[in-house]
Each structure stands twice: as structure tokens, then as C-alpha cells.
Amino acid sequence: MAHNRTFLLVAPALVVMALLPLGVGGYILGLLTVAYYTAVFAMSWDLLFGFAGEVNFGPSFLIGVGAYIAALLNHYWGWPIPACLACGAIGAVIGGAVLAVPALRLSGPYFGLITLVAVLMLQNVIVLNAGITGGEIGIDIPDVLSIDEATNYYYAFAFMVVSGGILFGLSRSPVGLILQASGQDAIEAAALGFNVAKHKLTAFCISAFFSGLAGGMLIFYMGTASVGTVVDIAVGVNVIIAAVLGGRRTILGAAVGSIFLIGANEVLRPLGQLATFVVSAVALVVILFFPGGFLGNYLQTGGRE
């Protein structure tokens, strides 16, 4: 039944989103383009947290590694965009594995703390090597995906749909079930013969791949890579809030939460600093009273109010 409800929600939404460039202007398309890349960040994060039960407080570490590798290769050596994206995604996986192998040996909050420290370290590396990375100002990128907003929109939309399909399918596969069992009770899962550390490392690497690839595509859309756009802790906080708002352990809910979060921030922009307060208050209410999130509560109630 849950699969039917998911289809009834997702299919019409995808049709509407595919037709949006025919009826809206470049401003809205640009806003949604960023939201779609953020959706991939959030869906990748939900795979690790929602199923493996590991709280990654530093998703922007993986995003930043992929983005900056791609940016530097294009800026200094003029590598084509596909090659830069591939290297960025691979670099994020390697960086994620180096971080996860020792971190997953720890229990409690230490895994989350290590991922958070990794973000701070990456920020310092970028700022201290400003002559190469551009520091806090950022680094310009010679090539961009497209100068046409509709084309950029479809790149982001297609990437979100494909990534979401893969991550959703993986979460419903035997691997996803093992991850879920490991996240709920690692000791019992190990007693049943499952290699908990191996499966959690796999989930982290998959999350790193999609995060790094999405980070690279985002900077090739924006034409610049900077700490504020892909590495800052605030970026990671938005990713986490989006995933929780959409619904933990739903994957697709993370995309819903991302679009809502980006859209709400833009609609409330005239309020200035108060906009952040309003959005944060809404997120807090949802987390406290609707812990299943938007999509999670919909699936649990069968779409009924």
C-alpha cells in the first residue's frame, strides 16, 4: 500500500515539474534548480541517517570535497565538465571512506562529532590556501552547464529523478533492509550474521558519491565554488532540516523537504532575518509534533487528513 501511495504522490508531481518550464519564468526555474540539487544532498543524507542510523552532522564535507575537486580541475587545467564531475564524485567517496573507516568504529555521538570537525577542517584548508582555492571569496569556473535557465532546470530535474530513483530503490533492496536493521539494533544484526560495519561504510560511500556529484553539478550551474555555497555548516544544517522535514527513512521525502525549505526561504525573504526564524519555527513544530515529516505522515495515514 505504501508503494501505491508513493506512486500516487510522486507521478503527478514529476509530470508537473517536467512541464514547469513551459509556464514559469527564469527566476522560479533558477530557484527550483538549486532546490533539486539540495534534494539530492538531502536524499543522500537520509540514506545514511534514516536507514543506517548514523547521524552525519557534516554533509557539507562530502559536498565540498566533490565541488572543489571539480572546480579546481576545471579552473586550472581546463578539464571538461564530465571528467571534473566524475573526479569530484570519486574524490568525495575516497574522502568519505577515509573519514568513515575510523569514525564507524566509535559509538554514540562520536561519529557525528567527527563529521562536524571534518567540515571545519575543510573550511580551514580552503581559507588557508586562498591563493589556490580563492579562500572565502571563492573560485570562478570557466565552464558552466548551460546559460539557458530551462536547460539548467532540466539538468537538475533529471539528475534529481535518477538519483532519487537509485537511492529509493537501494533503500528498498536487501541492502536497505540490512542497513535499517543495523541502524535499529546493530548488535542483533551482527548476531544474525550481517557485517554491520561493512554495510554502514557502503551506505556512507554511496551517500558521498551522490553528494559529491551533486556538489559538482551545483557549482557548474552557479559558475563559482565558495565556502558559503557548498562547505559552510549552514549548508549542512539546511540539508539535515530538509531531510527531517520531508520524512526520515523515506528518501523521496527529503526532496519534498528541500523544495519546501528553499521555497519558504525565498517567499519569506522580504522579512529579512525574521525569515530564518519563521522557517526554523516551522521546522521545529514539524519535528516535535509530526516526527514522520511531510511524506512520512502521508504514507502512514494513506493520504488522508
C-alpha atoms as a PDB file:
ATOM      1  CA  MET A   1       0.000   0.000   0.000  1.00  0.00           C
ATOM      2  CA  ALA A   2       2.807   2.398   0.853  1.00  0.00           C
ATOM      3  CA  HIS A   3       4.307   1.886  -2.598  1.00  0.00           C
ATOM      4  CA  ASN A   4       0.944   2.745  -4.199  1.00  0.00           C
ATOM      5  CA  ARG A   5       0.621   5.883  -2.108  1.00  0.00           C
ATOM      6  CA  THR A   6       4.160   6.894  -3.034  1.00  0.00           C
ATOM      7  CA  PHE A   7       3.408   6.430  -6.721  1.00  0.00           C
ATOM      8  CA  LEU A   8       0.152   8.398  -6.479  1.00  0.00           C
ATOM      9  CA  LEU A   9       2.077  11.286  -4.923  1.00  0.00           C
ATOM     10  CA  VAL A  10       5.283  11.177  -6.980  1.00  0.00           C
ATOM     11  CA  ALA A  11       3.974  10.525 -10.502  1.00  0.00           C
ATOM     12  CA  PRO A  12       1.718  13.617 -10.801  1.00  0.00           C
ATOM     13  CA  ALA A  13       4.385  15.768  -9.118  1.00  0.00           C
ATOM     14  CA  LEU A  14       7.016  14.691 -11.648  1.00  0.00           C
ATOM     15  CA  VAL A  15       4.681  15.476 -14.547  1.00  0.00           C
ATOM     16  CA  VAL A  16       4.009  18.945 -13.185  1.00  0.00           C
ATOM     17  CA  MET A  17       7.707  19.601 -12.592  1.00  0.00           C
ATOM     18  CA  ALA A  18       8.606  18.412 -16.079  1.00  0.00           C
ATOM     19  CA  LEU A  19       6.129  20.887 -17.587  1.00  0.00           C
ATOM     20  CA  LEU A  20       7.038  23.856 -15.388  1.00  0.00           C
ATOM     21  CA  PRO A  21       9.478  25.481 -17.884  1.00  0.00           C
ATOM     22  CA  LEU A  22       6.535  25.948 -20.233  1.00  0.00           C
ATOM     23  CA  GLY A  23       4.705  28.202 -17.798  1.00  0.00           C
ATOM     24  CA  VAL A  24       7.105  29.890 -15.378  1.00  0.00           C
ATOM     25  CA  GLY A  25       9.953  32.359 -15.730  1.00  0.00           C
ATOM     26  CA  GLY A  26      13.691  32.035 -15.267  1.00  0.00           C
ATOM     27  CA  TYR A  27      13.609  33.237 -11.663  1.00  0.00           C
ATOM     28  CA  ILE A  28      11.413  30.361 -10.483  1.00  0.00           C
ATOM     29  CA  LEU A  29      13.348  27.876 -12.588  1.00  0.00           C
ATOM     30  CA  GLY A  30      16.612  29.046 -11.034  1.00  0.00           C
ATOM     31  CA  LEU A  31      15.164  28.682  -7.545  1.00  0.00           C
ATOM     32  CA  LEU A  32      13.964  25.147  -8.267  1.00  0.00           C
ATOM     33  CA  THR A  33      17.275  24.218  -9.876  1.00  0.00           C
ATOM     34  CA  VAL A  34      19.060  24.903  -6.592  1.00  0.00           C
ATOM     35  CA  ALA A  35      16.270  23.099  -4.715  1.00  0.00           C
ATOM     36  CA  TYR A  36      16.717  19.979  -6.844  1.00  0.00           C
ATOM     37  CA  TYR A  37      20.433  19.788  -6.139  1.00  0.00           C
ATOM     38  CA  THR A  38      19.701  20.329  -2.455  1.00  0.00           C
ATOM     39  CA  ALA A  39      17.198  17.481  -2.726  1.00  0.00           C
ATOM     40  CA  VAL A  40      19.970  15.113  -3.820  1.00  0.00           C
ATOM     41  CA  PHE A  41      22.082  16.248  -0.857  1.00  0.00           C
ATOM     42  CA  ALA A  42      19.175  15.547   1.488  1.00  0.00           C
ATOM     43  CA  MET A  43      18.243  12.188  -0.046  1.00  0.00           C
ATOM     44  CA  SER A  44      21.868  11.056   0.231  1.00  0.00           C
ATOM     45  CA  TRP A  45      21.933  12.130   3.866  1.00  0.00           C
ATOM     46  CA  ASP A  46      18.686  10.277   4.603  1.00  0.00           C
ATOM     47  CA  LEU A  47      20.168   7.009   3.331  1.00  0.00           C
ATOM     48  CA  LEU A  48      22.864   7.208   5.989  1.00  0.00           C
ATOM     49  CA  PHE A  49      20.759   8.567   8.852  1.00  0.00           C
ATOM     50  CA  GLY A  50      17.324   7.142   8.138  1.00  0.00           C
ATOM     51  CA  PHE A  51      18.473   3.611   7.394  1.00  0.00           C
ATOM     52  CA  ALA A  52      21.986   3.129   8.768  1.00  0.00           C
ATOM     53  CA  GLY A  53      21.170   5.167  11.865  1.00  0.00           C
ATOM     54  CA  GLU A  54      24.376   7.226  11.678  1.00  0.00           C
ATOM     55  CA  VAL A  55      23.986  10.974  12.197  1.00  0.00           C
ATOM     56  CA  ASN A  56      26.255  12.812   9.783  1.00  0.00           C
ATOM     57  CA  PHE A  57      26.467  16.373  11.093  1.00  0.00           C
ATOM     58  CA  GLY A  58      28.796  17.322   8.262  1.00  0.00           C
ATOM     59  CA  PRO A  59      27.130  16.528   4.919  1.00  0.00           C
ATOM     60  CA  SER A  60      28.783  19.651   3.507  1.00  0.00           C
ATOM     61  CA  PHE A  61      32.186  17.934   3.882  1.00  0.00           C
ATOM     62  CA  LEU A  62      31.234  15.441   1.180  1.00  0.00           C
ATOM     63  CA  ILE A  63      29.535  18.142  -0.886  1.00  0.00           C
ATOM     64  CA  GLY A  64      32.516  20.453  -0.590  1.00  0.00           C
ATOM     65  CA  VAL A  65      35.130  17.851  -1.473  1.00  0.00           C
ATOM     66  CA  GLY A  66      33.280  16.911  -4.665  1.00  0.00           C
ATOM     67  CA  ALA A  67      32.590  20.524  -5.586  1.00  0.00           C
ATOM     68  CA  TYR A  68      36.117  21.831  -5.027  1.00  0.00           C
ATOM     69  CA  ILE A  69      37.845  18.951  -6.809  1.00  0.00           C
ATOM     70  CA  ALA A  70      35.630  19.564  -9.840  1.00  0.00           C
ATOM     71  CA  ALA A  71      36.141  23.337  -9.629  1.00  0.00           C
ATOM     72  CA  LEU A  72      39.927  23.180  -9.341  1.00  0.00           C
ATOM     73  CA  LEU A  73      40.293  20.730 -12.223  1.00  0.00           C
ATOM     74  CA  ASN A  74      38.220  22.966 -14.480  1.00  0.00           C
ATOM     75  CA  HIS A  75      39.733  26.258 -13.322  1.00  0.00           C
ATOM     76  CA  TYR A  76      43.419  25.340 -13.540  1.00  0.00           C
ATOM     77  CA  TRP A  77      43.596  22.554 -16.090  1.00  0.00           C
ATOM     78  CA  GLY A  78      40.502  23.149 -18.184  1.00  0.00           C
ATOM     79  CA  TRP A  79      39.203  19.618 -17.829  1.00  0.00           C
ATOM     80  CA  PRO A  80      35.793  19.025 -19.443  1.00  0.00           C
ATOM     81  CA  ILE A  81      32.795  19.098 -17.152  1.00  0.00           C
ATOM     82  CA  PRO A  82      32.013  15.340 -17.261  1.00  0.00           C
ATOM     83  CA  ALA A  83      35.583  14.457 -16.252  1.00  0.00           C
ATOM     84  CA  CYS A  84      35.539  17.050 -13.465  1.00  0.00           C
ATOM     85  CA  LEU A  85      32.242  15.719 -12.132  1.00  0.00           C
ATOM     86  CA  ALA A  86      33.486  12.129 -12.199  1.00  0.00           C
ATOM     87  CA  CYS A  87      36.684  13.035 -10.341  1.00  0.00           C
ATOM     88  CA  GLY A  88      34.728  15.115  -7.837  1.00  0.00           C
ATOM     89  CA  ALA A  89      32.358  12.237  -7.084  1.00  0.00           C
ATOM     90  CA  ILE A  90      35.238   9.757  -6.767  1.00  0.00           C
ATOM     91  CA  GLY A  91      37.157  12.196  -4.571  1.00  0.00           C
ATOM     92  CA  ALA A  92      34.132  12.552  -2.295  1.00  0.00           C
ATOM     93  CA  VAL A  93      33.880   8.766  -1.982  1.00  0.00           C
ATOM     94  CA  ILE A  94      37.581   8.473  -1.125  1.00  0.00           C
ATOM     95  CA  GLY A  95      37.368  11.347   1.345  1.00  0.00           C
ATOM     96  CA  GLY A  96      34.223   9.868   2.842  1.00  0.00           C
ATOM     97  CA  ALA A  97      35.794   6.427   3.203  1.00  0.00           C
ATOM     98  CA  VAL A  98      38.913   7.856   4.857  1.00  0.00           C
ATOM     99  CA  LEU A  99      36.634   9.677   7.299  1.00  0.00           C
ATOM    100  CA  ALA A 100      34.178   6.834   7.864  1.00  0.00           C
ATOM    101  CA  VAL A 101      36.557   3.910   8.416  1.00  0.00           C
ATOM    102  CA  PRO A 102      37.824   5.171  11.803  1.00  0.00           C
ATOM    103  CA  ALA A 103      34.592   7.027  12.675  1.00  0.00           C
ATOM    104  CA  LEU A 104      32.355   3.967  12.331  1.00  0.00           C
ATOM    105  CA  ARG A 105      34.424   2.176  14.940  1.00  0.00           C
ATOM    106  CA  LEU A 106      33.132   4.644  17.509  1.00  0.00           C
ATOM    107  CA  SER A 107      29.737   4.572  19.172  1.00  0.00           C
ATOM    108  CA  GLY A 108      27.340   7.194  20.452  1.00  0.00           C
ATOM    109  CA  PRO A 109      27.681  10.790  19.286  1.00  0.00           C
ATOM    110  CA  TYR A 110      31.328  10.499  18.279  1.00  0.00           C
ATOM    111  CA  PHE A 111      30.598   9.673  14.638  1.00  0.00           C
ATOM    112  CA  GLY A 112      28.551  12.853  14.288  1.00  0.00           C
ATOM    113  CA  LEU A 113      31.219  14.922  16.017  1.00  0.00           C
ATOM    114  CA  ILE A 114      33.931  13.616  13.695  1.00  0.00           C
ATOM    115  CA  THR A 115      31.902  14.535  10.613  1.00  0.00           C
ATOM    116  CA  LEU A 116      31.306  18.007  12.031  1.00  0.00           C
ATOM    117  CA  VAL A 117      35.009  18.516  12.739  1.00  0.00           C
ATOM    118  CA  ALA A 118      35.768  17.381   9.180  1.00  0.00           C
ATOM    119  CA  VAL A 119      33.715  20.294   7.834  1.00  0.00           C
ATOM    120  CA  LEU A 120      35.622  22.778   9.975  1.00  0.00           C
ATOM    121  CA  MET A 121      38.931  21.303   8.825  1.00  0.00           C
ATOM    122  CA  LEU A 122      37.895  21.529   5.170  1.00  0.00           C
ATOM    123  CA  GLN A 123      36.881  25.159   5.654  1.00  0.00           C
ATOM    124  CA  ASN A 124      40.281  25.949   7.174  1.00  0.00           C
ATOM    125  CA  VAL A 125      42.127  24.187   4.356  1.00  0.00           C
ATOM    126  CA  ILE A 126      40.227  26.224   1.772  1.00  0.00           C
ATOM    127  CA  VAL A 127      40.734  29.538   3.570  1.00  0.00           C
ATOM    128  CA  LEU A 128      44.412  28.942   4.377  1.00  0.00           C
ATOM    129  CA  ASN A 129      45.119  28.053   0.745  1.00  0.00           C
ATOM    130  CA  ALA A 130      43.321  31.089  -0.649  1.00  0.00           C
ATOM    131  CA  GLY A 131      45.928  31.510  -3.375  1.00  0.00           C
ATOM    132  CA  ILE A 132      44.711  28.280  -4.928  1.00  0.00           C
ATOM    133  CA  THR A 133      41.122  27.918  -3.726  1.00  0.00           C
ATOM    134  CA  GLY A 134      40.074  31.567  -3.690  1.00  0.00           C
ATOM    135  CA  GLY A 135      39.527  31.422   0.070  1.00  0.00           C
ATOM    136  CA  GLU A 136      36.265  32.785   1.396  1.00  0.00           C
ATOM    137  CA  ILE A 137      35.623  34.703  -1.835  1.00  0.00           C
ATOM    138  CA  GLY A 138      35.612  31.543  -3.899  1.00  0.00           C
ATOM    139  CA  ILE A 139      36.964  30.441  -7.231  1.00  0.00           C
ATOM    140  CA  ASP A 140      35.477  31.201 -10.648  1.00  0.00           C
ATOM    141  CA  ILE A 141      34.753  28.361 -13.022  1.00  0.00           C
ATOM    142  CA  PRO A 142      35.358  28.888 -16.759  1.00  0.00           C
ATOM    143  CA  ASP A 143      32.725  26.394 -17.911  1.00  0.00           C
ATOM    144  CA  VAL A 144      29.068  26.141 -16.932  1.00  0.00           C
ATOM    145  CA  LEU A 145      26.452  23.528 -17.665  1.00  0.00           C
ATOM    146  CA  SER A 146      24.369  25.956 -19.732  1.00  0.00           C
ATOM    147  CA  ILE A 147      23.466  29.629 -19.970  1.00  0.00           C
ATOM    148  CA  ASP A 148      19.819  28.754 -20.585  1.00  0.00           C
ATOM    149  CA  GLU A 149      17.701  28.538 -17.428  1.00  0.00           C
ATOM    150  CA  ALA A 150      15.345  25.917 -18.845  1.00  0.00           C
ATOM    151  CA  THR A 151      18.254  23.686 -19.829  1.00  0.00           C
ATOM    152  CA  ASN A 152      19.827  24.055 -16.384  1.00  0.00           C
ATOM    153  CA  TYR A 153      16.465  23.249 -14.847  1.00  0.00           C
ATOM    154  CA  TYR A 154      16.147  20.024 -16.804  1.00  0.00           C
ATOM    155  CA  TYR A 155      19.710  19.002 -15.931  1.00  0.00           C
ATOM    156  CA  ALA A 156      18.916  19.386 -12.230  1.00  0.00           C
ATOM    157  CA  PHE A 157      15.483  17.802 -12.570  1.00  0.00           C
ATOM    158  CA  ALA A 158      16.780  14.752 -14.432  1.00  0.00           C
ATOM    159  CA  PHE A 159      19.650  14.369 -12.001  1.00  0.00           C
ATOM    160  CA  MET A 160      17.290  14.526  -9.019  1.00  0.00           C
ATOM    161  CA  VAL A 161      14.896  11.988 -10.542  1.00  0.00           C
ATOM    162  CA  VAL A 162      17.639   9.500 -11.442  1.00  0.00           C
ATOM    163  CA  SER A 163      19.438   9.908  -8.110  1.00  0.00           C
ATOM    164  CA  GLY A 164      16.172   9.639  -6.189  1.00  0.00           C
ATOM    165  CA  GLY A 165      15.186   6.520  -8.101  1.00  0.00           C
ATOM    166  CA  ILE A 166      18.511   4.831  -7.393  1.00  0.00           C
ATOM    167  CA  LEU A 167      18.574   5.791  -3.711  1.00  0.00           C
ATOM    168  CA  PHE A 168      14.923   4.850  -3.217  1.00  0.00           C
ATOM    169  CA  GLY A 169      15.442   1.502  -4.937  1.00  0.00           C
ATOM    170  CA  LEU A 170      18.531   0.852  -2.841  1.00  0.00           C
ATOM    171  CA  SER A 171      16.671   1.682   0.363  1.00  0.00           C
ATOM    172  CA  ARG A 172      14.011  -0.906  -0.509  1.00  0.00           C
ATOM    173  CA  SER A 173      16.548  -3.559  -1.541  1.00  0.00           C
ATOM    174  CA  PRO A 174      18.023  -6.257   0.740  1.00  0.00           C
ATOM    175  CA  VAL A 175      20.930  -3.890   1.393  1.00  0.00           C
ATOM    176  CA  GLY A 176      18.492  -1.237   2.597  1.00  0.00           C
ATOM    177  CA  LEU A 177      16.779  -3.722   4.898  1.00  0.00           C
ATOM    178  CA  ILE A 178      20.127  -4.739   6.378  1.00  0.00           C
ATOM    179  CA  LEU A 179      21.008  -1.084   6.898  1.00  0.00           C
ATOM    180  CA  GLN A 180      17.687  -0.500   8.616  1.00  0.00           C
ATOM    181  CA  ALA A 181      18.197  -3.498  10.876  1.00  0.00           C
ATOM    182  CA  SER A 182      21.742  -2.333  11.656  1.00  0.00           C
ATOM    183  CA  GLY A 183      20.524   1.151  12.466  1.00  0.00           C
ATOM    184  CA  GLN A 184      17.826  -0.102  14.829  1.00  0.00           C
ATOM    185  CA  ASP A 185      19.901  -2.754  16.621  1.00  0.00           C
ATOM    186  CA  ALA A 186      23.467  -3.223  15.456  1.00  0.00           C
ATOM    187  CA  ILE A 187      24.179  -5.985  17.995  1.00  0.00           C
ATOM    188  CA  GLU A 188      21.221  -8.103  16.912  1.00  0.00           C
ATOM    189  CA  ALA A 189      22.016  -7.530  13.228  1.00  0.00           C
ATOM    190  CA  ALA A 190      25.597  -8.679  13.828  1.00  0.00           C
ATOM    191  CA  ALA A 191      24.302 -11.721  15.713  1.00  0.00           C
ATOM    192  CA  LEU A 192      22.289 -12.646  12.636  1.00  0.00           C
ATOM    193  CA  GLY A 193      25.497 -12.743  10.635  1.00  0.00           C
ATOM    194  CA  PHE A 194      25.418  -9.340   8.934  1.00  0.00           C
ATOM    195  CA  ASN A 195      28.612  -7.316   8.643  1.00  0.00           C
ATOM    196  CA  VAL A 196      27.261  -4.098  10.154  1.00  0.00           C
ATOM    197  CA  ALA A 197      30.417  -2.015   9.667  1.00  0.00           C
ATOM    198  CA  LYS A 198      30.719  -3.079   6.028  1.00  0.00           C
ATOM    199  CA  HIS A 199      27.130  -2.146   5.195  1.00  0.00           C
ATOM    200  CA  LYS A 200      27.338   1.192   7.003  1.00  0.00           C
ATOM    201  CA  LEU A 201      30.578   2.010   5.181  1.00  0.00           C
ATOM    202  CA  THR A 202      28.869   1.143   1.900  1.00  0.00           C
ATOM    203  CA  ALA A 203      25.977   3.465   2.747  1.00  0.00           C
ATOM    204  CA  PHE A 204      28.409   6.251   3.624  1.00  0.00           C
ATOM    205  CA  CYS A 205      30.281   5.827   0.324  1.00  0.00           C
ATOM    206  CA  ILE A 206      27.049   5.839  -1.676  1.00  0.00           C
ATOM    207  CA  SER A 207      25.947   8.968   0.176  1.00  0.00           C
ATOM    208  CA  ALA A 208      29.350  10.514  -0.547  1.00  0.00           C
ATOM    209  CA  PHE A 209      29.139   9.696  -4.255  1.00  0.00           C
ATOM    210  CA  PHE A 210      25.792  11.392  -4.810  1.00  0.00           C
ATOM    211  CA  SER A 211      26.664  14.311  -2.518  1.00  0.00           C
ATOM    212  CA  GLY A 212      29.961  14.942  -4.316  1.00  0.00           C
ATOM    213  CA  LEU A 213      28.397  14.610  -7.749  1.00  0.00           C
ATOM    214  CA  ALA A 214      25.546  16.964  -6.825  1.00  0.00           C
ATOM    215  CA  GLY A 215      28.041  19.428  -5.345  1.00  0.00           C
ATOM    216  CA  GLY A 216      29.974  19.446  -8.607  1.00  0.00           C
ATOM    217  CA  MET A 217      26.851  19.979 -10.694  1.00  0.00           C
ATOM    218  CA  LEU A 218      25.740  22.805  -8.420  1.00  0.00           C
ATOM    219  CA  ILE A 219      28.966  24.769  -8.831  1.00  0.00           C
ATOM    220  CA  PHE A 220      28.930  24.231 -12.603  1.00  0.00           C
ATOM    221  CA  TYR A 221      25.439  25.708 -12.554  1.00  0.00           C
ATOM    222  CA  MET A 222      26.426  28.672 -10.391  1.00  0.00           C
ATOM    223  CA  GLY A 223      29.753  29.299 -12.110  1.00  0.00           C
ATOM    224  CA  THR A 224      31.669  29.571  -8.838  1.00  0.00           C
ATOM    225  CA  ALA A 225      32.685  27.484  -5.839  1.00  0.00           C
ATOM    226  CA  SER A 226      32.884  29.087  -2.418  1.00  0.00           C
ATOM    227  CA  VAL A 227      32.790  28.115   1.231  1.00  0.00           C
ATOM    228  CA  GLY A 228      29.414  29.780   1.693  1.00  0.00           C
ATOM    229  CA  THR A 229      27.712  27.836  -1.098  1.00  0.00           C
ATOM    230  CA  VAL A 230      28.998  24.283  -0.611  1.00  0.00           C
ATOM    231  CA  VAL A 231      31.052  23.899   2.580  1.00  0.00           C
ATOM    232  CA  ASP A 232      29.572  26.163   5.250  1.00  0.00           C
ATOM    233  CA  ILE A 233      27.967  24.462   8.254  1.00  0.00           C
ATOM    234  CA  ALA A 234      24.719  26.298   7.436  1.00  0.00           C
ATOM    235  CA  VAL A 235      24.570  24.367   4.155  1.00  0.00           C
ATOM    236  CA  GLY A 236      24.722  21.105   6.083  1.00  0.00           C
ATOM    237  CA  VAL A 237      22.088  22.278   8.560  1.00  0.00           C
ATOM    238  CA  ASN A 238      19.690  23.050   5.703  1.00  0.00           C
ATOM    239  CA  VAL A 239      20.295  19.593   4.238  1.00  0.00           C
ATOM    240  CA  ILE A 240      19.527  17.931   7.574  1.00  0.00           C
ATOM    241  CA  ILE A 241      16.411  20.041   8.175  1.00  0.00           C
ATOM    242  CA  ALA A 242      15.138  19.316   4.666  1.00  0.00           C
ATOM    243  CA  ALA A 243      15.531  15.567   5.138  1.00  0.00           C
ATOM    244  CA  VAL A 244      13.828  15.578   8.550  1.00  0.00           C
ATOM    245  CA  LEU A 245      11.004  17.831   7.327  1.00  0.00           C
ATOM    246  CA  GLY A 246      10.339  15.562   4.358  1.00  0.00           C
ATOM    247  CA  GLY A 247      10.341  12.411   6.438  1.00  0.00           C
ATOM    248  CA  ARG A 248      13.096  10.226   7.776  1.00  0.00           C
ATOM    249  CA  ARG A 249      13.555   6.855   6.086  1.00  0.00           C
ATOM    250  CA  THR A 250      11.516   7.853   3.031  1.00  0.00           C
ATOM    251  CA  ILE A 251      14.336   9.116   0.729  1.00  0.00           C
ATOM    252  CA  LEU A 252      11.796  10.872  -1.509  1.00  0.00           C
ATOM    253  CA  GLY A 253      10.546  12.921   1.424  1.00  0.00           C
ATOM    254  CA  ALA A 254      13.943  14.600   1.537  1.00  0.00           C
ATOM    255  CA  ALA A 255      13.250  16.048  -1.908  1.00  0.00           C
ATOM    256  CA  VAL A 256       9.876  17.367  -0.716  1.00  0.00           C
ATOM    257  CA  GLY A 257      11.526  18.938   2.313  1.00  0.00           C
ATOM    258  CA  SER A 258      14.249  20.554   0.187  1.00  0.00           C
ATOM    259  CA  ILE A 259      11.804  22.161  -2.216  1.00  0.00           C
ATOM    260  CA  PHE A 260       9.688  23.391   0.691  1.00  0.00           C
ATOM    261  CA  LEU A 261      12.712  24.782   2.540  1.00  0.00           C
ATOM    262  CA  ILE A 262      14.195  26.620  -0.452  1.00  0.00           C
ATOM    263  CA  GLY A 263      10.786  27.935  -1.477  1.00  0.00           C
ATOM    264  CA  ALA A 264       9.870  29.085   2.030  1.00  0.00           C
ATOM    265  CA  ASN A 265      13.150  30.929   2.482  1.00  0.00           C
ATOM    266  CA  GLU A 266      12.616  32.744  -0.807  1.00  0.00           C
ATOM    267  CA  VAL A 267       8.967  33.627  -0.149  1.00  0.00           C
ATOM    268  CA  LEU A 268       9.865  34.992   3.283  1.00  0.00           C
ATOM    269  CA  ARG A 269      12.965  36.833   2.088  1.00  0.00           C
ATOM    270  CA  PRO A 270      11.251  40.275   2.485  1.00  0.00           C
ATOM    271  CA  LEU A 271      11.153  39.592   6.234  1.00  0.00           C
ATOM    272  CA  GLY A 272      14.942  39.731   6.378  1.00  0.00           C
ATOM    273  CA  GLN A 273      16.478  37.932   9.358  1.00  0.00           C
ATOM    274  CA  LEU A 274      12.987  37.115  10.593  1.00  0.00           C
ATOM    275  CA  ALA A 275      12.619  34.705   7.651  1.00  0.00           C
ATOM    276  CA  THR A 276      15.163  32.328   9.180  1.00  0.00           C
ATOM    277  CA  PHE A 277      13.275  32.436  12.474  1.00  0.00           C
ATOM    278  CA  VAL A 278       9.932  31.620  10.815  1.00  0.00           C
ATOM    279  CA  VAL A 279      11.328  28.739   8.777  1.00  0.00           C
ATOM    280  CA  SER A 280      13.160  27.373  11.817  1.00  0.00           C
ATOM    281  CA  ALA A 281       9.978  27.609  13.895  1.00  0.00           C
ATOM    282  CA  VAL A 282       8.020  25.660  11.272  1.00  0.00           C
ATOM    283  CA  ALA A 283      10.758  23.026  11.168  1.00  0.00           C
ATOM    284  CA  LEU A 284      10.696  22.763  14.966  1.00  0.00           C
ATOM    285  CA  VAL A 285       6.913  22.304  15.047  1.00  0.00           C
ATOM    286  CA  VAL A 286       7.071  19.576  12.402  1.00  0.00           C
ATOM    287  CA  ILE A 287       9.874  17.749  14.194  1.00  0.00           C
ATOM    288  CA  LEU A 288       8.113  17.921  17.577  1.00  0.00           C
ATOM    289  CA  PHE A 289       4.541  17.128  16.549  1.00  0.00           C
ATOM    290  CA  PHE A 290       4.914  15.338  13.213  1.00  0.00           C
ATOM    291  CA  PRO A 291       8.152  13.343  13.569  1.00  0.00           C
ATOM    292  CA  GLY A 292       7.302  11.374  10.433  1.00  0.00           C
ATOM    293  CA  GLY A 293       7.716  14.524   8.360  1.00  0.00           C
ATOM    294  CA  PHE A 294       5.618  15.536   5.362  1.00  0.00           C
ATOM    295  CA  LEU A 295       5.865  12.361   3.313  1.00  0.00           C
ATOM    296  CA  GLY A 296       6.191  10.017   6.282  1.00  0.00           C
ATOM    297  CA  ASN A 297       2.887  11.163   7.767  1.00  0.00           C
ATOM    298  CA  TYR A 298       1.209  10.968   4.373  1.00  0.00           C
ATOM    299  CA  LEU A 299       2.274   7.340   3.919  1.00  0.00           C
ATOM    300  CA  GLN A 300       1.208   6.426   7.445  1.00  0.00           C
ATOM    301  CA  THR A 301      -2.284   7.918   7.041  1.00  0.00           C
ATOM    302  CA  GLY A 302      -2.785   6.773   3.482  1.00  0.00           C
ATOM    303  CA  GLY A 303      -3.025  10.350   2.246  1.00  0.00           C
ATOM    304  CA  ARG A 304      -5.995  11.127   4.491  1.00  0.00           C
ATOM    305  CA  GLU A 305      -6.138  14.274   6.567  1.00  0.00           C
END
